[in-house]
């Protein structure tokens, strides 16, 4: 993947045979501005609509899978019944882990890859090369204490 920029998006869209539109660039811009917020399609649409009133909901919903195919975003399932989107960071080998508070619903990203040792053990014991993983920890955040 190229760096996360709207100019690179234009190049990738062209290479893959997609039309280059300002609406697609607007959706990427909003996702980039809200990096780390785990936004749903509807939330992304509402943010796009505030800044670019002419962009329709169908455009946003059609653009997100294209951005995922091109490697700009990926879908995250945080167990709340809706797909959420995160920006694919350049050079990111694994997706980060999430801490999900069962009281307030706050989502905290864990930047460290906590599974390096386990991945090595799996490779050593089974010859299995792990390409990616998704880990969610459920519990109570420090703000909620003992909810």
Protein backbone atom coordinates (compact mmCIF):
# COMPACT_ATOMS: atom_id res chain seq x y z
CA UNK A 1 0.00 0.00 0.00
CA UNK A 2 1.07 3.54 -0.65
CA UNK A 3 0.96 6.13 2.09
CA UNK A 4 -2.48 7.15 3.29
CA UNK A 5 -3.03 10.21 1.11
CA UNK A 6 -5.73 11.38 -1.24
CA UNK A 7 -3.17 11.76 -4.05
CA UNK A 8 -2.12 8.13 -3.66
CA UNK A 9 -5.79 7.18 -3.60
CA UNK A 10 -6.24 8.77 -7.02
CA UNK A 11 -3.35 6.73 -8.38
CA UNK A 12 -4.65 3.46 -6.91
CA UNK A 13 -8.20 4.11 -8.13
CA UNK A 14 -6.87 4.73 -11.62
CA UNK A 15 -4.75 1.54 -11.52
CA UNK A 16 -7.71 -0.58 -10.38
CA UNK A 17 -10.09 0.91 -12.94
CA UNK A 18 -12.22 2.90 -10.51
CA UNK A 19 -13.41 6.43 -11.15
CA UNK A 20 -11.54 9.12 -9.26
CA UNK A 21 -14.15 11.22 -7.50
CA UNK A 22 -14.05 13.99 -4.96
CA UNK A 23 -16.63 12.06 -2.94
CA UNK A 24 -14.25 9.10 -2.53
CA UNK A 25 -11.48 11.46 -1.52
CA UNK A 26 -13.85 13.10 0.99
CA UNK A 27 -14.64 9.75 2.64
CA UNK A 28 -10.93 8.94 2.99
CA UNK A 29 -10.27 12.42 4.36
CA UNK A 30 -12.88 11.95 7.10
CA UNK A 31 -11.56 8.51 8.05
CA UNK A 32 -8.03 9.97 8.23
CA UNK A 33 -9.19 12.89 10.37
CA UNK A 34 -10.89 10.49 12.78
CA UNK A 35 -8.15 7.87 12.96
CA UNK A 36 -8.54 5.64 16.00
CA UNK A 37 -12.24 6.39 16.53
CA UNK A 38 -13.65 3.09 15.19
CA UNK A 39 -16.41 4.75 13.18
CA UNK A 40 -19.38 2.92 11.69
CA UNK A 41 -20.52 3.54 8.11
CA UNK A 42 -23.33 5.72 9.40
CA UNK A 43 -21.01 7.76 11.61
CA UNK A 44 -18.64 8.27 8.69
CA UNK A 45 -21.56 9.39 6.53
CA UNK A 46 -22.71 11.90 9.15
CA UNK A 47 -19.20 13.39 9.40
CA UNK A 48 -18.81 13.51 5.60
CA UNK A 49 -22.24 15.15 5.26
CA UNK A 50 -21.27 17.97 7.68
CA UNK A 51 -18.21 18.87 5.63
CA UNK A 52 -19.46 17.88 2.16
CA UNK A 53 -23.27 18.25 2.09
CA UNK A 54 -23.57 16.99 -1.50
CA UNK A 55 -22.21 13.51 -0.69
CA UNK A 56 -24.99 10.94 -0.36
CA UNK A 57 -25.24 8.04 2.05
CA UNK A 58 -25.06 5.46 -0.78
CA UNK A 59 -21.76 6.96 -1.95
CA UNK A 60 -20.23 6.56 1.50
CA UNK A 61 -21.52 2.98 1.85
CA UNK A 62 -20.16 2.06 -1.61
CA UNK A 63 -16.83 3.82 -1.05
CA UNK A 64 -15.84 2.08 2.18
CA UNK A 65 -15.49 -1.42 0.60
CA UNK A 66 -13.45 0.15 -2.23
CA UNK A 67 -11.13 1.80 0.32
CA UNK A 68 -10.84 -1.55 2.08
CA UNK A 69 -10.00 -3.35 -1.16
CA UNK A 70 -7.31 -0.75 -1.87
CA UNK A 71 -5.80 -1.21 1.59
CA UNK A 72 -6.69 2.16 3.08
CA UNK A 73 -9.12 0.94 5.74
CA UNK A 74 -10.11 -2.32 7.31
CA UNK A 75 -13.26 -3.49 9.02
CA UNK A 76 -13.29 -4.10 12.75
CA UNK A 77 -15.96 -6.11 14.56
CA UNK A 78 -16.10 -4.92 18.15
CA UNK A 79 -19.07 -7.08 19.05
CA UNK A 80 -21.65 -4.30 18.96
CA UNK A 81 -23.46 -5.52 15.85
CA UNK A 82 -22.02 -3.08 13.34
CA UNK A 83 -18.95 -2.98 11.16
CA UNK A 84 -16.52 -0.26 12.13
CA UNK A 85 -13.64 1.10 10.09
CA UNK A 86 -10.07 1.88 10.96
CA UNK A 87 -7.32 3.43 8.94
CA UNK A 88 -4.68 0.96 7.76
CA UNK A 89 -1.42 2.48 8.90
CA UNK A 90 1.54 2.34 6.56
CA UNK A 91 3.97 -0.41 7.51
CA UNK A 92 1.54 -1.96 9.98
CA UNK A 93 2.21 -5.69 10.22
CA UNK A 94 -0.58 -6.64 12.59
CA UNK A 95 -3.75 -4.94 13.60
CA UNK A 96 -3.68 -3.59 17.11
CA UNK A 97 -5.61 -5.06 20.01
CA UNK A 98 -8.67 -3.48 21.59
CA UNK A 99 -9.78 -3.12 25.21
CA UNK A 100 -13.58 -2.87 25.36
CA UNK A 101 -15.29 -1.68 28.55
CA UNK A 102 -18.45 -3.66 29.24
CA UNK A 103 -19.91 -0.78 31.28
CA UNK A 104 -19.42 2.39 29.22
CA UNK A 105 -18.42 0.86 25.88
CA UNK A 106 -15.15 2.79 25.69
CA UNK A 107 -12.67 1.28 23.24
CA UNK A 108 -8.96 1.64 23.93
CA UNK A 109 -6.32 0.66 21.39
CA UNK A 110 -3.34 -1.35 22.59
CA UNK A 111 -0.39 -0.24 20.49
CA UNK A 112 1.98 -3.03 21.55
CA UNK A 113 1.81 -6.37 19.80
CA UNK A 114 1.33 -8.62 22.82
CA UNK A 115 1.44 -11.86 20.86
CA UNK A 116 4.99 -11.92 19.45
CA UNK A 117 6.11 -14.72 21.76
CA UNK A 118 2.97 -16.78 21.10
CA UNK A 119 3.36 -16.34 17.33
CA UNK A 120 6.98 -17.51 17.54
CA UNK A 121 5.95 -20.55 19.57
CA UNK A 122 3.23 -21.41 17.04
CA UNK A 123 5.76 -21.14 14.22
CA UNK A 124 8.35 -23.22 16.08
CA UNK A 125 5.85 -25.95 17.04
CA UNK A 126 3.69 -26.07 13.92
CA UNK A 127 5.57 -24.30 11.14
CA UNK A 128 2.56 -22.01 10.82
CA UNK A 129 3.29 -18.43 9.77
CA UNK A 130 0.76 -16.00 11.22
CA UNK A 131 -0.06 -13.13 8.88
CA UNK A 132 -2.48 -11.25 11.12
CA UNK A 133 -4.68 -11.59 14.19
CA UNK A 134 -7.52 -9.75 15.85
CA UNK A 135 -7.69 -9.61 19.63
CA UNK A 136 -10.38 -8.01 21.78
CA UNK A 137 -10.24 -7.91 25.56
CA UNK A 138 -13.53 -7.31 27.40
CA UNK A 139 -13.60 -5.95 30.92
CA UNK A 140 -14.03 -2.81 32.99
CA UNK A 141 -12.08 0.39 32.25
CA UNK A 142 -10.40 2.41 35.00
CA UNK A 143 -13.08 5.12 34.80
CA UNK A 144 -15.88 2.66 35.53
CA UNK A 145 -14.01 0.87 38.30
CA UNK A 146 -16.22 -1.95 39.50
CA UNK A 147 -19.32 -1.31 37.44
